[in-house]
Amino acid sequence: MVVPFIFGCQKKPEIKKENTQEVVPVKVMRVKSINISETIEYVGDIKAKDEVLVYPKVSGKVIEKIKEDGSLVKKEEPILYIDRDEVGLKFEKAPVESPLAGVVGRIYVDLGESVNMQTPVAKVLDLSKVKIKLEIPEKYLARISLGQKAKIYVDAYPEKEFTGEVTKISPVLDLDTRTFPIEIMVENSEHLLKSGLFAKVTLIISEHKNVPVILKEAIIGRGPDLYVFTVEGNKAVLKNIKLGLRQGQFYEVIEGVKEGDLVVIMGQQKLKEGTEVTIEETDNYPL
């Protein structure tokens, strides 16, 4: 008697699958502590500390030029001489003297040119210091004070930073623009800054020293409900944070993370509390 083997009716043995969690690659930065400041930025024109137009005291013709554009000049030193054209006077050349010590910015007349007491013949500038006048919105009035530091940048020296300070604050508000004028003075002993240059001014209105910062890319959420993911023991940890000052791409962290923590700046969209992660790259951003 043949006993048939029926294969189709037999059940296949079940293979239990392990419940594996996806490991998410992330990019992180290590929290560092730096000095961070809140700033406001404006533009303005540079002017010499003092600028004067020089006028002759007599009428006549220019017969001699002692100084040229860019020459250094002392107070009461002659810039040029004039042959007076007054009838009956003995010939004696009349000096046109500088009213202040500085630099001859421009001589406006040529030899032989006739001038009178209303003719500006030269401009003299005191470039030992330069000033920049700005119009600041009224909302910043309480945060601007005499002696406050400012950083100055000009296109002529793109790699150089100049330092100035607030020396004047107008007590009168402009009712049309709702701004108040201020003046910033900058030391200029090397005469690198010239009158008329266009300047970018950064005013420091608040500064916190040695505080932890994170990148904007790390932050999740809106308003007061802000979070970041940190990495602890190869797992993602969601932390509520409180932010302070912002400077460029960096934010001060008042609560939530500390110096040395690894904060996720890329890949956090796939994370939840406890997700296992691998660190793809650690970014140590220049601070």
Protein backbone atom coordinates (compact mmCIF):
# COMPACT_ATOMS: atom_id res chain seq x y z
CA MET A 1 0.00 0.00 0.00
CA VAL A 2 1.39 3.35 -1.05
CA VAL A 3 0.95 6.21 1.41
CA PRO A 4 0.82 9.54 -0.47
CA PHE A 5 2.75 12.57 0.82
CA ILE A 6 0.71 15.72 0.65
CA PHE A 7 3.00 18.75 0.71
CA GLY A 8 0.50 21.50 -0.08
CA CYS A 9 -1.39 21.11 3.18
CA GLN A 10 1.59 21.48 5.46
CA LYS A 11 2.18 24.85 7.22
CA LYS A 12 5.50 26.57 6.76
CA PRO A 13 7.35 27.32 9.97
CA GLU A 14 7.05 30.96 11.05
CA ILE A 15 10.22 33.06 11.14
CA LYS A 16 10.13 35.70 13.81
CA LYS A 17 11.43 39.07 12.63
CA GLU A 18 13.35 41.23 15.03
CA ASN A 19 11.84 44.66 15.57
CA THR A 20 14.78 46.82 14.43
CA GLN A 21 14.74 50.61 14.73
CA GLU A 22 16.14 52.79 11.96
CA VAL A 23 19.47 54.42 12.78
CA VAL A 24 19.42 58.02 11.58
CA PRO A 25 22.63 59.76 10.41
CA VAL A 26 22.87 63.33 11.73
CA LYS A 27 25.21 66.26 11.50
CA VAL A 28 26.04 67.95 14.81
CA MET A 29 27.96 70.87 16.27
CA ARG A 30 29.57 71.08 19.66
CA VAL A 31 28.30 73.97 21.76
CA LYS A 32 30.98 76.55 22.50
CA SER A 33 31.02 79.66 24.68
CA ILE A 34 31.87 83.00 23.09
CA ASN A 35 31.26 86.70 23.54
CA ILE A 36 28.11 87.69 21.68
CA SER A 37 26.60 91.10 21.09
CA GLU A 38 23.39 92.64 19.81
CA THR A 39 24.10 95.25 17.16
CA ILE A 40 22.39 97.69 14.83
CA GLU A 41 23.91 98.61 11.48
CA TYR A 42 23.84 101.89 9.57
CA VAL A 43 25.71 103.67 6.80
CA GLY A 44 27.04 107.19 6.69
CA ASP A 45 29.65 109.51 5.19
CA ILE A 46 32.95 110.19 6.87
CA LYS A 47 33.94 113.81 7.53
CA ALA A 48 37.09 115.26 9.02
CA LYS A 49 36.95 116.35 12.64
CA ASP A 50 37.23 119.95 11.38
CA GLU A 51 36.99 121.29 7.83
CA VAL A 52 37.41 124.93 6.86
CA LEU A 53 37.34 126.90 3.66
CA VAL A 54 40.21 129.37 3.46
CA TYR A 55 39.58 132.92 2.16
CA PRO A 56 42.14 135.64 1.38
CA LYS A 57 42.18 138.83 3.41
CA VAL A 58 42.99 140.96 0.36
CA SER A 59 42.12 141.10 -3.33
CA GLY A 60 44.68 140.42 -6.04
CA LYS A 61 46.29 137.74 -8.18
CA VAL A 62 47.74 134.42 -7.02
CA ILE A 63 51.49 134.68 -7.57
CA GLU A 64 52.84 131.74 -5.56
CA LYS A 65 51.49 128.42 -4.28
CA ILE A 66 53.34 127.02 -1.27
CA LYS A 67 51.17 123.97 -0.62
CA GLU A 68 49.57 121.32 -2.84
CA ASP A 69 46.61 119.02 -2.35
CA GLY A 70 47.47 116.55 0.42
CA SER A 71 50.23 118.69 1.97
CA LEU A 72 50.50 118.92 5.74
CA VAL A 73 50.06 122.43 7.04
CA LYS A 74 50.52 124.10 10.42
CA LYS A 75 48.20 126.66 11.92
CA GLU A 76 48.88 130.12 10.42
CA GLU A 77 51.33 128.66 7.90
CA PRO A 78 51.02 130.21 4.39
CA ILE A 79 49.24 128.17 1.73
CA LEU A 80 49.76 130.66 -1.11
CA TYR A 81 50.63 134.30 -1.76
CA ILE A 82 48.67 137.06 -3.44
CA ASP A 83 49.91 140.16 -5.26
CA ARG A 84 47.60 142.86 -3.94
CA ASP A 85 46.02 145.00 -6.63
CA GLU A 86 45.41 148.07 -4.46
CA VAL A 87 46.63 151.24 -6.20
CA GLY A 88 49.37 153.18 -4.44
CA LEU A 89 50.57 150.32 -2.26
CA LYS A 90 54.18 149.19 -2.33
CA PHE A 91 54.50 145.68 -3.76
CA GLU A 92 54.43 143.16 -0.98
CA LYS A 93 53.01 139.70 -1.47
CA ALA A 94 50.20 138.88 0.96
CA PRO A 95 50.07 135.41 2.52
CA VAL A 96 46.89 133.32 2.73
CA GLU A 97 47.33 131.38 5.96
CA SER A 98 45.72 128.19 7.25
CA PRO A 99 43.37 128.79 10.18
CA LEU A 100 44.11 125.32 11.60
CA ALA A 101 46.71 122.57 11.56
CA GLY A 102 45.92 119.66 9.30
CA VAL A 103 45.99 118.61 5.67
CA VAL A 104 45.33 120.70 2.58
CA GLY A 105 42.37 118.92 1.07
CA ARG A 106 42.05 121.04 -2.05
CA ILE A 107 43.46 124.21 -3.58
CA TYR A 108 40.82 125.80 -5.77
CA VAL A 109 42.84 128.47 -7.62
CA ASP A 110 45.68 128.56 -10.12
CA LEU A 111 48.63 130.89 -10.52
CA GLY A 112 47.62 134.22 -12.04
CA GLU A 113 44.00 133.85 -11.06
CA SER A 114 42.30 136.91 -9.61
CA VAL A 115 40.70 136.46 -6.20
CA ASN A 116 38.93 138.62 -3.65
CA MET A 117 37.90 138.24 -0.02
CA GLN A 118 34.81 136.23 -1.03
CA THR A 119 36.80 133.68 -3.07
CA PRO A 120 37.49 130.32 -1.37
CA VAL A 121 41.06 129.47 -2.32
CA ALA A 122 41.60 126.23 -0.36
CA LYS A 123 40.09 123.71 2.03
CA VAL A 124 42.02 122.50 5.09
CA LEU A 125 41.03 119.43 7.11
CA ASP A 126 41.99 118.12 10.51
CA LEU A 127 42.11 114.36 9.86
CA SER A 128 43.58 113.34 13.22
CA LYS A 129 40.03 112.22 13.95
CA VAL A 130 37.02 111.73 11.69
CA LYS A 131 33.33 111.77 12.47
CA ILE A 132 30.21 110.07 11.14
CA LYS A 133 26.71 111.43 11.68
CA LEU A 134 23.82 108.96 11.85
CA GLU A 135 20.05 109.19 12.28
CA ILE A 136 18.91 106.56 14.83
CA PRO A 137 15.24 105.44 15.24
CA GLU A 138 13.67 106.63 18.49
CA LYS A 139 13.11 103.06 19.75
CA TYR A 140 16.87 102.79 20.37
CA LEU A 141 17.16 106.07 22.29
CA ALA A 142 17.42 104.41 25.71
CA ARG A 143 20.09 102.01 24.42
CA ILE A 144 22.49 104.59 22.98
CA SER A 145 24.88 106.38 25.35
CA LEU A 146 27.95 108.60 25.20
CA GLY A 147 31.14 106.58 24.94
CA GLN A 148 29.35 103.61 23.37
CA LYS A 149 31.63 101.66 21.01
CA ALA A 150 31.08 101.31 17.27
CA LYS A 151 32.82 99.26 14.58
CA ILE A 152 33.57 101.06 11.32
CA TYR A 153 34.19 99.45 7.93
CA VAL A 154 35.07 101.08 4.59
CA ASP A 155 35.42 99.54 1.13
CA ALA A 156 38.88 101.07 0.73
CA TYR A 157 40.19 98.73 3.48
CA PRO A 158 37.87 95.68 3.34
CA GLU A 159 39.95 93.62 5.81
CA LYS A 160 40.37 96.38 8.41
CA GLU A 161 38.08 97.24 11.30
CA PHE A 162 38.16 100.73 12.80
CA THR A 163 36.82 101.56 16.26
CA GLY A 164 34.83 104.65 17.13
CA GLU A 165 32.66 105.88 19.95
CA VAL A 166 29.52 107.94 20.34
CA THR A 167 30.51 111.51 21.24
CA LYS A 168 27.25 113.40 20.64
CA ILE A 169 23.57 112.55 21.06
CA SER A 170 21.06 115.15 19.99
CA PRO A 171 18.47 116.07 22.66
CA VAL A 172 15.98 116.91 19.90
CA LEU A 173 13.98 114.27 17.98
CA ASP A 174 13.26 114.83 14.29
CA LEU A 175 9.45 114.75 14.23
CA ASP A 176 9.30 113.97 10.50
CA THR A 177 11.51 110.86 10.57
CA ARG A 178 11.14 109.94 14.28
CA THR A 179 14.93 109.70 14.52
CA PHE A 180 17.56 111.40 16.65
CA PRO A 181 21.01 112.41 15.33
CA ILE A 182 24.16 111.02 16.89
CA GLU A 183 27.84 111.58 16.09
CA ILE A 184 30.58 108.95 16.18
CA MET A 185 34.24 109.95 16.42
CA VAL A 186 37.04 107.70 15.13
CA GLU A 187 40.76 108.00 15.85
CA ASN A 188 42.61 108.45 12.54
CA SER A 189 46.27 109.11 13.39
CA GLU A 190 47.44 107.33 10.21
CA HIS A 191 45.03 109.37 8.06
CA LEU A 192 43.71 106.19 6.43
CA LEU A 193 40.12 107.42 6.61
CA LYS A 194 39.42 110.25 4.19
CA SER A 195 36.66 112.83 4.24
CA GLY A 196 33.86 111.71 1.93
CA LEU A 197 34.40 107.94 2.26
CA PHE A 198 31.26 105.82 2.63
CA ALA A 199 31.25 103.93 5.94
CA LYS A 200 29.33 100.98 7.35
CA VAL A 201 28.77 101.40 11.07
CA THR A 202 27.93 98.65 13.56
CA LEU A 203 26.76 99.92 16.94
CA ILE A 204 27.02 97.49 19.86
CA ILE A 205 23.91 98.03 21.99
CA SER A 206 24.26 94.95 24.23
CA GLU A 207 27.02 92.42 24.90
CA HIS A 208 27.15 89.12 26.83
CA LYS A 209 30.51 87.51 27.52
CA ASN A 210 31.39 83.80 27.51
CA VAL A 211 27.92 82.41 26.83
CA PRO A 212 26.96 79.15 25.01
CA VAL A 213 25.74 79.56 21.43
CA ILE A 214 24.11 77.38 18.79
CA LEU A 215 23.43 77.73 15.08
CA LYS A 216 20.08 78.88 13.73
CA GLU A 217 19.80 75.57 11.82
CA ALA A 218 19.58 73.61 15.07
CA ILE A 219 16.43 75.33 16.33
CA ILE A 220 12.98 73.70 16.05
CA GLY A 221 9.65 75.36 16.82
CA ARG A 222 8.34 78.89 17.15
CA GLY A 223 8.04 81.66 19.69
CA PRO A 224 8.56 80.52 23.27
CA ASP A 225 8.28 76.81 22.34
CA LEU A 226 11.76 76.22 20.97
CA TYR A 227 13.67 72.94 20.97
CA VAL A 228 16.86 71.28 19.83
CA PHE A 229 17.95 67.65 19.61
CA THR A 230 21.15 66.73 21.38
CA VAL A 231 23.04 63.45 21.09
CA GLU A 232 23.69 61.50 24.28
CA GLY A 233 24.99 57.94 24.13
CA ASN A 234 24.17 57.65 20.39
CA LYS A 235 20.53 58.54 21.07
CA ALA A 236 18.56 61.69 20.28
CA VAL A 237 17.38 63.74 23.25
CA LEU A 238 14.80 66.51 22.74
CA LYS A 239 15.46 69.59 24.87
CA ASN A 240 13.45 72.75 25.39
CA ILE A 241 15.63 75.86 25.09
CA LYS A 242 15.44 79.55 25.87
CA LEU A 243 17.35 81.96 23.63
CA GLY A 244 19.02 85.31 24.29
CA LEU A 245 21.01 87.56 21.94
CA ARG A 246 21.49 86.83 18.26
CA GLN A 247 24.66 87.62 16.33
CA GLY A 248 24.65 86.62 12.67
CA GLN A 249 23.95 82.89 12.45
CA PHE A 250 24.50 82.26 16.17
CA TYR A 251 22.02 82.42 19.07
CA GLU A 252 22.85 82.66 22.73
CA VAL A 253 21.28 79.82 24.75
CA ILE A 254 20.11 80.89 28.20
CA GLU A 255 18.59 77.52 29.16
CA GLY A 256 18.56 74.00 27.71
CA VAL A 257 22.10 73.19 26.59
CA LYS A 258 25.59 73.90 27.86
CA GLU A 259 29.10 74.14 26.54
CA GLY A 260 30.32 70.82 25.13
CA ASP A 261 26.87 69.40 24.28
CA LEU A 262 26.43 67.90 20.81
CA VAL A 263 23.51 69.62 19.09
CA VAL A 264 21.97 68.30 15.86
CA ILE A 265 22.05 70.82 13.02
CA MET A 266 21.02 68.52 10.16
CA GLY A 267 18.77 65.45 10.10
CA GLN A 268 16.55 66.39 13.05
CA GLN A 269 13.39 66.12 10.90
CA LYS A 270 13.63 62.32 11.19
CA LEU A 271 14.25 62.29 14.90
CA LYS A 272 12.12 61.72 17.96
CA GLU A 273 13.02 61.22 21.58
CA GLY A 274 15.27 58.17 21.91
CA THR A 275 15.98 57.65 18.19
CA GLU A 276 19.33 55.95 17.67
CA VAL A 277 21.71 58.08 15.61
CA THR A 278 25.09 57.98 13.98
CA ILE A 279 27.14 61.14 13.79
CA GLU A 280 27.91 61.70 10.14
CA GLU A 281 30.02 64.77 10.72
CA THR A 282 30.83 67.12 13.57
CA ASP A 283 30.93 70.74 12.53
CA ASN A 284 33.09 73.04 14.58
CA TYR A 285 32.00 76.36 13.15
CA PRO A 286 34.40 79.32 13.37
CA LEU A 287 33.25 81.43 16.29
